[in-house]
Protein backbone atom coordinates (compact mmCIF):
# COMPACT_ATOMS: atom_id res chain seq x y z
CA UNK A 1 0.00 0.00 0.00
CA UNK A 2 2.67 2.51 0.98
CA UNK A 3 5.61 0.65 -0.49
CA UNK A 4 7.15 -0.01 2.94
CA UNK A 5 7.75 -3.55 4.08
CA UNK A 6 8.32 -4.86 7.58
CA UNK A 7 11.97 -5.71 6.97
CA UNK A 8 12.93 -2.17 5.96
CA UNK A 9 11.20 -0.77 9.05
CA UNK A 10 13.04 -3.29 11.26
CA UNK A 11 16.35 -2.49 9.60
CA UNK A 12 15.76 1.21 10.14
CA UNK A 13 14.89 0.59 13.79
CA UNK A 14 18.00 -1.52 14.27
CA UNK A 15 20.19 1.15 12.68
CA UNK A 16 18.65 3.80 14.89
CA UNK A 17 19.26 1.75 18.04
CA UNK A 18 22.90 1.16 17.03
CA UNK A 19 23.36 4.87 16.41
CA UNK A 20 21.88 5.81 19.79
CA UNK A 21 24.07 3.23 21.58
CA UNK A 22 27.17 4.52 19.82
CA UNK A 23 26.43 8.16 20.61
CA UNK A 24 25.65 7.46 24.28
CA UNK A 25 28.75 5.27 24.74
CA UNK A 26 30.90 7.75 22.81
CA UNK A 27 29.80 10.68 24.94
CA UNK A 28 30.35 8.66 28.13
CA UNK A 29 33.85 7.69 26.95
CA UNK A 30 34.75 11.31 26.22
CA UNK A 31 33.40 12.39 29.63
CA UNK A 32 35.50 9.67 31.29
CA UNK A 33 38.54 10.80 29.30
CA UNK A 34 38.07 14.41 30.36
CA UNK A 35 37.56 13.35 33.97
CA UNK A 36 40.77 11.29 33.96
CA UNK A 37 42.72 14.10 32.29
CA UNK A 38 41.84 16.72 34.92
CA UNK A 39 42.62 14.58 37.99
CA UNK A 40 45.79 14.83 40.04
CA UNK A 41 48.40 12.28 38.90
CA UNK A 42 49.08 11.06 42.45
CA UNK A 43 45.43 10.07 43.02
CA UNK A 44 45.59 7.01 40.76
CA UNK A 45 48.46 5.14 42.46
CA UNK A 46 46.99 6.14 45.85
CA UNK A 47 43.92 3.99 45.11
CA UNK A 48 46.03 1.10 43.74
CA UNK A 49 45.09 1.68 40.11
CA UNK A 50 47.14 2.27 36.96
CA UNK A 51 48.76 5.66 36.51
CA UNK A 52 46.95 8.69 35.14
CA UNK A 53 48.87 8.47 31.85
CA UNK A 54 47.80 4.88 31.31
CA UNK A 55 44.14 5.62 32.06
CA UNK A 56 44.11 8.66 29.79
CA UNK A 57 45.64 6.53 27.00
CA UNK A 58 43.14 3.70 27.58
CA UNK A 59 40.18 6.09 27.55
CA UNK A 60 41.46 7.94 24.48
CA UNK A 61 41.73 4.62 22.64
CA UNK A 62 38.29 3.59 23.94
CA UNK A 63 36.78 6.85 22.67
CA UNK A 64 38.33 6.39 19.25
CA UNK A 65 37.22 2.75 19.04
CA UNK A 66 33.63 3.64 19.93
CA UNK A 67 33.35 6.61 17.58
CA UNK A 68 35.12 5.01 14.60
CA UNK A 69 33.89 1.42 14.82
CA UNK A 70 30.61 1.74 16.69
CA UNK A 71 29.70 0.64 20.19
CA UNK A 72 28.67 -2.87 19.16
CA UNK A 73 31.69 -3.84 17.08
CA UNK A 74 34.49 -5.95 18.57
CA UNK A 75 36.77 -2.96 19.21
CA UNK A 76 33.79 -0.85 20.27
CA UNK A 77 32.83 -3.37 22.94
CA UNK A 78 36.42 -3.33 24.23
CA UNK A 79 36.15 0.47 24.42
CA UNK A 80 32.80 0.30 26.22
CA UNK A 81 34.19 -2.15 28.79
CA UNK A 82 37.25 0.05 29.42
CA UNK A 83 35.04 3.12 29.80
CA UNK A 84 32.69 1.31 32.19
CA UNK A 85 35.57 0.04 34.33
CA UNK A 86 36.84 3.59 34.67
CA UNK A 87 33.44 5.15 35.40
CA UNK A 88 32.25 2.48 37.83
CA UNK A 89 35.46 1.67 39.70
CA UNK A 90 38.38 4.02 39.13
CA UNK A 91 36.50 7.32 38.96
CA UNK A 92 34.69 6.65 42.22
CA UNK A 93 37.88 5.78 44.07
CA UNK A 94 39.82 8.73 42.63
CA UNK A 95 37.00 11.11 43.54
CA UNK A 96 36.72 9.64 47.06
CA UNK A 97 40.42 10.01 47.81
CA UNK A 98 40.38 13.63 46.62
CA UNK A 99 37.15 14.46 48.47
CA UNK A 100 35.28 15.22 45.26
CA UNK A 101 31.83 14.31 44.03
CA UNK A 102 30.20 14.72 40.65
CA UNK A 103 26.85 15.91 41.93
CA UNK A 104 27.49 17.69 45.21
CA UNK A 105 30.34 19.48 46.92
CA UNK A 106 31.63 17.90 50.08
CA UNK A 107 32.37 20.31 52.88
PDB file of N, CA and C in Angstrom:
ATOM      1  N   UNK A   1       0.827  -1.185   0.000  1.00  0.00           N
ATOM      2  CA  UNK A   1       0.000   0.000   0.000  1.00  0.00           C
ATOM      3  C   UNK A   1       0.872   1.250   0.000  1.00  0.00           C
ATOM      4  N   UNK A   2       1.803   1.349   0.916  1.00  0.00           N
ATOM      5  CA  UNK A   2       2.665   2.511   0.978  1.00  0.00           C
ATOM      6  C   UNK A   2       4.048   2.221   0.438  1.00  0.00           C
ATOM      7  N   UNK A   3       4.311   1.009   0.026  1.00  0.00           N
ATOM      8  CA  UNK A   3       5.614   0.650  -0.494  1.00  0.00           C
ATOM      9  C   UNK A   3       6.660   0.420   0.588  1.00  0.00           C
ATOM     10  N   UNK A   4       6.237   0.222   1.829  1.00  0.00           N
ATOM     11  CA  UNK A   4       7.146  -0.013   2.935  1.00  0.00           C
ATOM     12  C   UNK A   4       6.882  -1.417   3.465  1.00  0.00           C
ATOM     13  N   UNK A   5       7.948  -2.213   3.539  1.00  0.00           N
ATOM     14  CA  UNK A   5       7.751  -3.549   4.082  1.00  0.00           C
ATOM     15  C   UNK A   5       8.291  -3.617   5.508  1.00  0.00           C
ATOM     16  N   UNK A   6       7.954  -4.693   6.169  1.00  0.00           N
ATOM     17  CA  UNK A   6       8.316  -4.855   7.576  1.00  0.00           C
ATOM     18  C   UNK A   6       9.825  -4.901   7.752  1.00  0.00           C
ATOM     19  N   UNK A   7      10.533  -5.550   6.831  1.00  0.00           N
ATOM     20  CA  UNK A   7      11.973  -5.706   6.967  1.00  0.00           C
ATOM     21  C   UNK A   7      12.714  -4.374   6.886  1.00  0.00           C
ATOM     22  N   UNK A   8      12.263  -3.473   6.044  1.00  0.00           N
ATOM     23  CA  UNK A   8      12.929  -2.173   5.963  1.00  0.00           C
ATOM     24  C   UNK A   8      12.677  -1.338   7.225  1.00  0.00           C
ATOM     25  N   UNK A   9      11.495  -1.472   7.801  1.00  0.00           N
ATOM     26  CA  UNK A   9      11.199  -0.769   9.051  1.00  0.00           C
ATOM     27  C   UNK A   9      12.058  -1.336  10.180  1.00  0.00           C
ATOM     28  N   UNK A  10      12.198  -2.663  10.242  1.00  0.00           N
ATOM     29  CA  UNK A  10      13.035  -3.288  11.263  1.00  0.00           C
ATOM     30  C   UNK A  10      14.508  -2.913  11.085  1.00  0.00           C
ATOM     31  N   UNK A  11      14.963  -2.873   9.857  1.00  0.00           N
ATOM     32  CA  UNK A  11      16.354  -2.494   9.595  1.00  0.00           C
ATOM     33  C   UNK A  11      16.601  -1.043   9.999  1.00  0.00           C
ATOM     34  N   UNK A  12      15.635  -0.181   9.719  1.00  0.00           N
ATOM     35  CA  UNK A  12      15.761   1.213  10.142  1.00  0.00           C
ATOM     36  C   UNK A  12      15.793   1.313  11.652  1.00  0.00           C
ATOM     37  N   UNK A  13      14.923   0.583  12.325  1.00  0.00           N
ATOM     38  CA  UNK A  13      14.885   0.594  13.789  1.00  0.00           C
ATOM     39  C   UNK A  13      16.189   0.080  14.385  1.00  0.00           C
ATOM     40  N   UNK A  14      16.740  -0.976  13.791  1.00  0.00           N
ATOM     41  CA  UNK A  14      18.002  -1.522  14.267  1.00  0.00           C
ATOM     42  C   UNK A  14      19.135  -0.510  14.076  1.00  0.00           C
ATOM     43  N   UNK A  15      19.166   0.137  12.943  1.00  0.00           N
ATOM     44  CA  UNK A  15      20.194   1.146  12.684  1.00  0.00           C
ATOM     45  C   UNK A  15      20.075   2.314  13.657  1.00  0.00           C
ATOM     46  N   UNK A  16      18.870   2.707  13.951  1.00  0.00           N
ATOM     47  CA  UNK A  16      18.646   3.803  14.890  1.00  0.00           C
ATOM     48  C   UNK A  16      19.105   3.424  16.297  1.00  0.00           C
ATOM     49  N   UNK A  17      18.815   2.209  16.720  1.00  0.00           N
ATOM     50  CA  UNK A  17      19.258   1.749  18.040  1.00  0.00           C
ATOM     51  C   UNK A  17      20.778   1.714  18.105  1.00  0.00           C
ATOM     52  N   UNK A  18      21.435   1.206  17.056  1.00  0.00           N
ATOM     53  CA  UNK A  18      22.901   1.157  17.031  1.00  0.00           C
ATOM     54  C   UNK A  18      23.505   2.562  17.080  1.00  0.00           C
ATOM     55  N   UNK A  19      22.884   3.498  16.388  1.00  0.00           N
ATOM     56  CA  UNK A  19      23.362   4.873  16.409  1.00  0.00           C
ATOM     57  C   UNK A  19      23.229   5.477  17.808  1.00  0.00           C
ATOM     58  N   UNK A  20      22.102   5.272  18.443  1.00  0.00           N
ATOM     59  CA  UNK A  20      21.883   5.808  19.786  1.00  0.00           C
ATOM     60  C   UNK A  20      22.882   5.197  20.771  1.00  0.00           C
ATOM     61  N   UNK A  21      23.097   3.879  20.707  1.00  0.00           N
ATOM     62  CA  UNK A  21      24.074   3.229  21.582  1.00  0.00           C
ATOM     63  C   UNK A  21      25.476   3.782  21.367  1.00  0.00           C
ATOM     64  N   UNK A  22      25.842   3.998  20.122  1.00  0.00           N
ATOM     65  CA  UNK A  22      27.173   4.524  19.816  1.00  0.00           C
ATOM     66  C   UNK A  22      27.337   5.950  20.338  1.00  0.00           C
ATOM     67  N   UNK A  23      26.339   6.769  20.150  1.00  0.00           N
ATOM     68  CA  UNK A  23      26.426   8.161  20.612  1.00  0.00           C
ATOM     69  C   UNK A  23      26.489   8.223  22.135  1.00  0.00           C
ATOM     70  N   UNK A  24      25.647   7.452  22.813  1.00  0.00           N
ATOM     71  CA  UNK A  24      25.649   7.463  24.276  1.00  0.00           C
ATOM     72  C   UNK A  24      26.981   6.945  24.814  1.00  0.00           C
ATOM     73  N   UNK A  25      27.463   5.826  24.277  1.00  0.00           N
ATOM     74  CA  UNK A  25      28.746   5.266  24.735  1.00  0.00           C
ATOM     75  C   UNK A  25      29.902   6.200  24.383  1.00  0.00           C
ATOM     76  N   UNK A  26      29.843   6.828  23.210  1.00  0.00           N
ATOM     77  CA  UNK A  26      30.900   7.748  22.810  1.00  0.00           C
ATOM     78  C   UNK A  26      30.975   8.969  23.701  1.00  0.00           C
ATOM     79  N   UNK A  27      29.829   9.517  24.044  1.00  0.00           N
ATOM     80  CA  UNK A  27      29.805  10.676  24.940  1.00  0.00           C
ATOM     81  C   UNK A  27      30.311  10.282  26.325  1.00  0.00           C
ATOM     82  N   UNK A  28      29.886   9.118  26.819  1.00  0.00           N
ATOM     83  CA  UNK A  28      30.352   8.655  28.129  1.00  0.00           C
ATOM     84  C   UNK A  28      31.861   8.440  28.127  1.00  0.00           C
ATOM     85  N   UNK A  29      32.406   7.917  27.038  1.00  0.00           N
ATOM     86  CA  UNK A  29      33.850   7.692  26.952  1.00  0.00           C
ATOM     87  C   UNK A  29      34.611   9.013  26.940  1.00  0.00           C
ATOM     88  N   UNK A  30      34.097   9.999  26.247  1.00  0.00           N
ATOM     89  CA  UNK A  30      34.750  11.314  26.220  1.00  0.00           C
ATOM     90  C   UNK A  30      34.673  11.984  27.595  1.00  0.00           C
ATOM     91  N   UNK A  31      33.535  11.843  28.278  1.00  0.00           N
ATOM     92  CA  UNK A  31      33.400  12.392  29.631  1.00  0.00           C
ATOM     93  C   UNK A  31      34.392  11.715  30.575  1.00  0.00           C
ATOM     94  N   UNK A  32      34.526  10.396  30.460  1.00  0.00           N
ATOM     95  CA  UNK A  32      35.496   9.669  31.287  1.00  0.00           C
ATOM     96  C   UNK A  32      36.917  10.120  30.975  1.00  0.00           C
ATOM     97  N   UNK A  33      37.215  10.330  29.706  1.00  0.00           N
ATOM     98  CA  UNK A  33      38.537  10.802  29.298  1.00  0.00           C
ATOM     99  C   UNK A  33      38.836  12.176  29.887  1.00  0.00           C
ATOM    100  N   UNK A  34      37.886  13.067  29.809  1.00  0.00           N
ATOM    101  CA  UNK A  34      38.075  14.410  30.365  1.00  0.00           C
ATOM    102  C   UNK A  34      38.244  14.327  31.880  1.00  0.00           C
ATOM    103  N   UNK A  35      37.443  13.505  32.523  1.00  0.00           N
ATOM    104  CA  UNK A  35      37.562  13.350  33.970  1.00  0.00           C
ATOM    105  C   UNK A  35      38.951  12.851  34.350  1.00  0.00           C
ATOM    106  N   UNK A  36      39.431  11.838  33.656  1.00  0.00           N
ATOM    107  CA  UNK A  36      40.766  11.290  33.959  1.00  0.00           C
ATOM    108  C   UNK A  36      41.855  12.328  33.706  1.00  0.00           C
ATOM    109  N   UNK A  37      41.686  13.121  32.663  1.00  0.00           N
ATOM    110  CA  UNK A  37      42.717  14.098  32.293  1.00  0.00           C
ATOM    111  C   UNK A  37      42.852  15.233  33.302  1.00  0.00           C
ATOM    112  N   UNK A  38      41.783  15.577  34.003  1.00  0.00           N
ATOM    113  CA  UNK A  38      41.840  16.721  34.916  1.00  0.00           C
ATOM    114  C   UNK A  38      42.125  16.325  36.369  1.00  0.00           C
ATOM    115  N   UNK A  39      42.321  15.028  36.621  1.00  0.00           N
ATOM    116  CA  UNK A  39      42.615  14.582  37.988  1.00  0.00           C
ATOM    117  C   UNK A  39      44.096  14.736  38.311  1.00  0.00           C
ATOM    118  N   UNK A  40      44.398  14.775  39.589  1.00  0.00           N
ATOM    119  CA  UNK A  40      45.787  14.826  40.039  1.00  0.00           C
ATOM    120  C   UNK A  40      46.470  13.502  39.728  1.00  0.00           C
ATOM    121  N   UNK A  41      47.703  13.526  39.259  1.00  0.00           N
ATOM    122  CA  UNK A  41      48.400  12.281  38.904  1.00  0.00           C
ATOM    123  C   UNK A  41      48.647  11.350  40.091  1.00  0.00           C
ATOM    124  N   UNK A  42      48.794  11.909  41.292  1.00  0.00           N
ATOM    125  CA  UNK A  42      49.077  11.062  42.448  1.00  0.00           C
ATOM    126  C   UNK A  42      47.845  10.349  42.997  1.00  0.00           C
ATOM    127  N   UNK A  43      46.649  10.698  42.519  1.00  0.00           N
ATOM    128  CA  UNK A  43      45.428  10.070  43.018  1.00  0.00           C
ATOM    129  C   UNK A  43      45.273   8.634  42.511  1.00  0.00           C
ATOM    130  N   UNK A  44      45.769   8.338  41.335  1.00  0.00           N
ATOM    131  CA  UNK A  44      45.591   7.006  40.755  1.00  0.00           C
ATOM    132  C   UNK A  44      46.405   5.947  41.483  1.00  0.00           C
ATOM    133  N   UNK A  45      47.713   6.143  41.694  1.00  0.00           N
ATOM    134  CA  UNK A  45      48.459   5.139  42.463  1.00  0.00           C
ATOM    135  C   UNK A  45      47.991   5.053  43.922  1.00  0.00           C
ATOM    136  N   UNK A  46      47.456   6.139  44.464  1.00  0.00           N
ATOM    137  CA  UNK A  46      46.992   6.145  45.849  1.00  0.00           C
ATOM    138  C   UNK A  46      45.813   5.192  46.054  1.00  0.00           C
ATOM    139  N   UNK A  47      45.056   4.922  45.012  1.00  0.00           N
ATOM    140  CA  UNK A  47      43.919   3.989  45.114  1.00  0.00           C
ATOM    141  C   UNK A  47      44.253   2.642  44.474  1.00  0.00           C
ATOM    142  N   UNK A  48      45.547   2.365  44.301  1.00  0.00           N
ATOM    143  CA  UNK A  48      46.028   1.099  43.742  1.00  0.00           C
ATOM    144  C   UNK A  48      45.477   0.823  42.351  1.00  0.00           C
ATOM    145  N   UNK A  49      45.508   1.822  41.501  1.00  0.00           N
ATOM    146  CA  UNK A  49      45.092   1.677  40.108  1.00  0.00           C
ATOM    147  C   UNK A  49      46.257   2.086  39.215  1.00  0.00           C
ATOM    148  N   UNK A  50      46.107   1.874  37.919  1.00  0.00           N
ATOM    149  CA  UNK A  50      47.142   2.269  36.964  1.00  0.00           C
ATOM    150  C   UNK A  50      47.352   3.778  37.039  1.00  0.00           C
ATOM    151  N   UNK A  51      48.443   4.237  36.455  1.00  0.00           N
ATOM    152  CA  UNK A  51      48.757   5.664  36.506  1.00  0.00           C
ATOM    153  C   UNK A  51      47.775   6.481  35.661  1.00  0.00           C
ATOM    154  N   UNK A  52      47.813   7.773  35.890  1.00  0.00           N
ATOM    155  CA  UNK A  52      46.946   8.687  35.141  1.00  0.00           C
ATOM    156  C   UNK A  52      47.227   8.598  33.642  1.00  0.00           C
ATOM    157  N   UNK A  53      48.496   8.530  33.266  1.00  0.00           N
ATOM    158  CA  UNK A  53      48.869   8.470  31.847  1.00  0.00           C
ATOM    159  C   UNK A  53      48.276   7.229  31.185  1.00  0.00           C
ATOM    160  N   UNK A  54      48.341   6.111  31.880  1.00  0.00           N
ATOM    161  CA  UNK A  54      47.799   4.877  31.310  1.00  0.00           C
ATOM    162  C   UNK A  54      46.286   4.979  31.160  1.00  0.00           C
ATOM    163  N   UNK A  55      45.593   5.498  32.169  1.00  0.00           N
ATOM    164  CA  UNK A  55      44.137   5.621  32.061  1.00  0.00           C
ATOM    165  C   UNK A  55      43.713   6.612  30.983  1.00  0.00           C
ATOM    166  N   UNK A  56      44.439   7.702  30.848  1.00  0.00           N
ATOM    167  CA  UNK A  56      44.108   8.660  29.788  1.00  0.00           C
ATOM    168  C   UNK A  56      44.315   7.998  28.417  1.00  0.00           C
ATOM    169  N   UNK A  57      45.388   7.235  28.257  1.00  0.00           N
ATOM    170  CA  UNK A  57      45.637   6.535  26.995  1.00  0.00           C
ATOM    171  C   UNK A  57      44.566   5.481  26.724  1.00  0.00           C
ATOM    172  N   UNK A  58      44.184   4.717  27.746  1.00  0.00           N
ATOM    173  CA  UNK A  58      43.140   3.701  27.580  1.00  0.00           C
ATOM    174  C   UNK A  58      41.827   4.353  27.178  1.00  0.00           C
ATOM    175  N   UNK A  59      41.463   5.430  27.846  1.00  0.00           N
ATOM    176  CA  UNK A  59      40.185   6.094  27.552  1.00  0.00           C
ATOM    177  C   UNK A  59      40.206   6.826  26.215  1.00  0.00           C
ATOM    178  N   UNK A  60      41.361   7.329  25.807  1.00  0.00           N
ATOM    179  CA  UNK A  60      41.463   7.942  24.476  1.00  0.00           C
ATOM    180  C   UNK A  60      41.272   6.870  23.405  1.00  0.00           C
ATOM    181  N   UNK A  61      41.907   5.721  23.586  1.00  0.00           N
ATOM    182  CA  UNK A  61      41.731   4.618  22.638  1.00  0.00           C
ATOM    183  C   UNK A  61      40.287   4.134  22.650  1.00  0.00           C
ATOM    184  N   UNK A  62      39.690   4.031  23.828  1.00  0.00           N
ATOM    185  CA  UNK A  62      38.291   3.594  23.935  1.00  0.00           C
ATOM    186  C   UNK A  62      37.366   4.556  23.199  1.00  0.00           C
ATOM    187  N   UNK A  63      37.603   5.858  23.366  1.00  0.00           N
ATOM    188  CA  UNK A  63      36.775   6.852  22.671  1.00  0.00           C
ATOM    189  C   UNK A  63      36.897   6.715  21.155  1.00  0.00           C
ATOM    190  N   UNK A  64      38.120   6.552  20.692  1.00  0.00           N
ATOM    191  CA  UNK A  64      38.329   6.387  19.245  1.00  0.00           C
ATOM    192  C   UNK A  64      37.676   5.110  18.730  1.00  0.00           C
ATOM    193  N   UNK A  65      37.832   4.016  19.460  1.00  0.00           N
ATOM    194  CA  UNK A  65      37.219   2.750  19.043  1.00  0.00           C
ATOM    195  C   UNK A  65      35.705   2.884  18.935  1.00  0.00           C
ATOM    196  N   UNK A  66      35.091   3.504  19.931  1.00  0.00           N
ATOM    197  CA  UNK A  66      33.632   3.638  19.934  1.00  0.00           C
ATOM    198  C   UNK A  66      33.167   4.522  18.794  1.00  0.00           C
ATOM    199  N   UNK A  67      33.810   5.681  18.612  1.00  0.00           N
ATOM    200  CA  UNK A  67      33.347   6.609  17.582  1.00  0.00           C
ATOM    201  C   UNK A  67      33.639   6.115  16.164  1.00  0.00           C
ATOM    202  N   UNK A  68      34.775   5.444  15.958  1.00  0.00           N
ATOM    203  CA  UNK A  68      35.120   5.013  14.600  1.00  0.00           C
ATOM    204  C   UNK A  68      34.519   3.672  14.208  1.00  0.00           C
ATOM    205  N   UNK A  69      34.353   2.757  15.156  1.00  0.00           N
ATOM    206  CA  UNK A  69      33.889   1.415  14.824  1.00  0.00           C
ATOM    207  C   UNK A  69      32.489   1.121  15.318  1.00  0.00           C
ATOM    208  N   UNK A  70      31.936   1.970  16.145  1.00  0.00           N
ATOM    209  CA  UNK A  70      30.606   1.736  16.694  1.00  0.00           C
ATOM    210  C   UNK A  70      30.693   1.011  18.024  1.00  0.00           C
ATOM    211  N   UNK A  71      29.680   1.198  18.848  1.00  0.00           N
ATOM    212  CA  UNK A  71      29.698   0.644  20.194  1.00  0.00           C
ATOM    213  C   UNK A  71      29.477  -0.862  20.219  1.00  0.00           C
ATOM    214  N   UNK A  72      28.974  -1.439  19.153  1.00  0.00           N
ATOM    215  CA  UNK A  72      28.670  -2.874  19.164  1.00  0.00           C
ATOM    216  C   UNK A  72      29.597  -3.678  18.260  1.00  0.00           C
ATOM    217  N   UNK A  73      30.672  -3.078  17.813  1.00  0.00           N
ATOM    218  CA  UNK A  73      31.694  -3.836  17.083  1.00  0.00           C
ATOM    219  C   UNK A  73      32.650  -4.449  18.099  1.00  0.00           C
ATOM    220  N   UNK A  74      33.547  -5.308  17.651  1.00  0.00           N
ATOM    221  CA  UNK A  74      34.494  -5.947  18.567  1.00  0.00           C
ATOM    222  C   UNK A  74      35.331  -4.907  19.309  1.00  0.00           C
ATOM    223  N   UNK A  75      35.954  -3.994  18.568  1.00  0.00           N
ATOM    224  CA  UNK A  75      36.767  -2.956  19.211  1.00  0.00           C
ATOM    225  C   UNK A  75      35.907  -1.978  20.010  1.00  0.00           C
ATOM    226  N   UNK A  76      34.703  -1.723  19.539  1.00  0.00           N
ATOM    227  CA  UNK A  76      33.790  -0.851  20.271  1.00  0.00           C
ATOM    228  C   UNK A  76      33.406  -1.420  21.619  1.00  0.00           C
ATOM    229  N   UNK A  77      33.178  -2.724  21.674  1.00  0.00           N
ATOM    230  CA  UNK A  77      32.832  -3.368  22.938  1.00  0.00           C
ATOM    231  C   UNK A  77      34.013  -3.301  23.906  1.00  0.00           C
ATOM    232  N   UNK A  78      35.226  -3.484  23.392  1.00  0.00           N
ATOM    233  CA  UNK A  78      36.419  -3.328  24.235  1.00  0.00           C
ATOM    234  C   UNK A  78      36.466  -1.904  24.801  1.00  0.00           C
ATOM    235  N   UNK A  79      36.177  -0.924  23.966  1.00  0.00           N
ATOM    236  CA  UNK A  79      36.148   0.468  24.421  1.00  0.00           C
ATOM    237  C   UNK A  79      35.069   0.717  25.460  1.00  0.00           C
ATOM    238  N   UNK A  80      33.898   0.136  25.258  1.00  0.00           N
ATOM    239  CA  UNK A  80      32.805   0.303  26.219  1.00  0.00           C
ATOM    240  C   UNK A  80      33.174  -0.318  27.561  1.00  0.00           C
ATOM    241  N   UNK A  81      33.779  -1.500  27.540  1.00  0.00           N
ATOM    242  CA  UNK A  81      34.190  -2.148  28.789  1.00  0.00           C
ATOM    243  C   UNK A  81      35.233  -1.300  29.520  1.00  0.00           C
ATOM    244  N   UNK A  82      36.218  -0.785  28.796  1.00  0.00           N
ATOM    245  CA  UNK A  82      37.246   0.050  29.421  1.00  0.00           C
ATOM    246  C   UNK A  82      36.619   1.300  30.025  1.00  0.00           C
ATOM    247  N   UNK A  83      35.713   1.922  29.301  1.00  0.00           N
ATOM    248  CA  UNK A  83      35.043   3.121  29.802  1.00  0.00           C
ATOM    249  C   UNK A  83      34.212   2.803  31.038  1.00  0.00           C
ATOM    250  N   UNK A  84      33.505   1.686  31.036  1.00  0.00           N
ATOM    251  CA  UNK A  84      32.689   1.313  32.189  1.00  0.00           C
ATOM    252  C   UNK A  84      33.541   0.990  33.414  1.00  0.00           C
ATOM    253  N   UNK A  85      34.669   0.322  33.216  1.00  0.00           N
ATOM    254  CA  UNK A  85      35.573   0.035  34.334  1.00  0.00           C
ATOM    255  C   UNK A  85      36.037   1.346  34.963  1.00  0.00           C
ATOM    256  N   UNK A  86      36.395   2.297  34.128  1.00  0.00           N
ATOM    257  CA  UNK A  86      36.836   3.586  34.673  1.00  0.00           C
ATOM    258  C   UNK A  86      35.698   4.282  35.420  1.00  0.00           C
ATOM    259  N   UNK A  87      34.536   4.393  34.795  1.00  0.00           N
ATOM    260  CA  UNK A  87      33.442   5.147  35.401  1.00  0.00           C
ATOM    261  C   UNK A  87      32.909   4.488  36.670  1.00  0.00           C
ATOM    262  N   UNK A  88      32.843   3.168  36.692  1.00  0.00           N
ATOM    263  CA  UNK A  88      32.248   2.476  37.832  1.00  0.00           C
ATOM    264  C   UNK A  88      33.246   2.283  38.974  1.00  0.00           C
ATOM    265  N   UNK A  89      34.502   2.011  38.657  1.00  0.00           N
ATOM    266  CA  UNK A  89      35.462   1.665  39.695  1.00  0.00           C
ATOM    267  C   UNK A  89      36.484   2.782  39.946  1.00  0.00           C
ATOM    268  N   UNK A  90      37.244   3.112  38.947  1.00  0.00           N
ATOM    269  CA  UNK A  90      38.381   4.018  39.132  1.00  0.00           C
ATOM    270  C   UNK A  90      37.922   5.431  39.457  1.00  0.00           C
ATOM    271  N   UNK A  91      36.966   5.950  38.723  1.00  0.00           N
ATOM    272  CA  UNK A  91      36.499   7.323  38.958  1.00  0.00           C
ATOM    273  C   UNK A  91      36.003   7.496  40.382  1.00  0.00           C
ATOM    274  N   UNK A  92      35.229   6.553  40.866  1.00  0.00           N
ATOM    275  CA  UNK A  92      34.685   6.647  42.220  1.00  0.00           C
ATOM    276  C   UNK A  92      35.803   6.678  43.254  1.00  0.00           C
ATOM    277  N   UNK A  93      36.788   5.823  43.100  1.00  0.00           N
ATOM    278  CA  UNK A  93      37.883   5.779  44.072  1.00  0.00           C
ATOM    279  C   UNK A  93      38.744   7.046  44.003  1.00  0.00           C
ATOM    280  N   UNK A  94      39.010   7.514  42.791  1.00  0.00           N
ATOM    281  CA  UNK A  94      39.816   8.730  42.630  1.00  0.00           C
ATOM    282  C   UNK A  94      39.072   9.931  43.213  1.00  0.00           C
ATOM    283  N   UNK A  95      37.778  10.012  42.965  1.00  0.00           N
ATOM    284  CA  UNK A  95      36.999  11.113  43.540  1.00  0.00           C
ATOM    285  C   UNK A  95      36.950  11.026  45.061  1.00  0.00           C
ATOM    286  N   UNK A  96      36.786   9.806  45.601  1.00  0.00           N
ATOM    287  CA  UNK A  96      36.716   9.641  47.056  1.00  0.00           C
ATOM    288  C   UNK A  96      38.011  10.079  47.730  1.00  0.00           C
ATOM    289  N   UNK A  97      39.137   9.687  47.170  1.00  0.00           N
ATOM    290  CA  UNK A  97      40.421  10.014  47.809  1.00  0.00           C
ATOM    291  C   UNK A  97      40.727  11.515  47.745  1.00  0.00           C
ATOM    292  N   UNK A  98      40.162  12.187  46.743  1.00  0.00           N
ATOM    293  CA  UNK A  98      40.376  13.630  46.622  1.00  0.00           C
ATOM    294  C   UNK A  98      39.276  14.443  47.295  1.00  0.00           C
ATOM    295  N   UNK A  99      38.255  13.763  47.824  1.00  0.00           N
ATOM    296  CA  UNK A  99      37.152  14.455  48.472  1.00  0.00           C
ATOM    297  C   UNK A  99      36.231  15.148  47.495  1.00  0.00           C
ATOM    298  N   UNK A 100      36.135  14.613  46.282  1.00  0.00           N
ATOM    299  CA  UNK A 100      35.283  15.225  45.256  1.00  0.00           C
ATOM    300  C   UNK A 100      34.040  14.382  45.023  1.00  0.00           C
ATOM    301  N   UNK A 101      33.037  15.001  44.443  1.00  0.00           N
ATOM    302  CA  UNK A 101      31.833  14.306  44.032  1.00  0.00           C
ATOM    303  C   UNK A 101      31.311  14.962  42.762  1.00  0.00           C
ATOM    304  N   UNK A 102      30.713  14.167  41.898  1.00  0.00           N
ATOM    305  CA  UNK A 102      30.202  14.720  40.646  1.00  0.00           C
ATOM    306  C   UNK A 102      28.977  15.593  40.855  1.00  0.00           C
ATOM    307  N   UNK A 103      28.147  15.258  41.829  1.00  0.00           N
ATOM    308  CA  UNK A 103      26.846  15.911  41.934  1.00  0.00           C
ATOM    309  C   UNK A 103      26.705  16.860  43.110  1.00  0.00           C
ATOM    310  N   UNK A 104      27.583  16.766  44.091  1.00  0.00           N
ATOM    311  CA  UNK A 104      27.494  17.688  45.214  1.00  0.00           C
ATOM    312  C   UNK A 104      28.897  17.964  45.739  1.00  0.00           C
ATOM    313  N   UNK A 105      29.031  19.118  46.351  1.00  0.00           N
ATOM    314  CA  UNK A 105      30.335  19.482  46.918  1.00  0.00           C
ATOM    315  C   UNK A 105      30.385  19.030  48.370  1.00  0.00           C
ATOM    316  N   UNK A 106      31.452  18.327  48.694  1.00  0.00           N
ATOM    317  CA  UNK A 106      31.630  17.899  50.081  1.00  0.00           C
ATOM    318  C   UNK A 106      32.289  19.027  50.862  1.00  0.00           C
ATOM    319  N   UNK A 107      31.823  19.231  52.059  1.00  0.00           N
ATOM    320  CA  UNK A 107      32.371  20.307  52.884  1.00  0.00           C
ATOM    321  C   UNK A 107      33.654  19.872  53.567  1.00  0.00           C
TER     322      UNK A 107
END
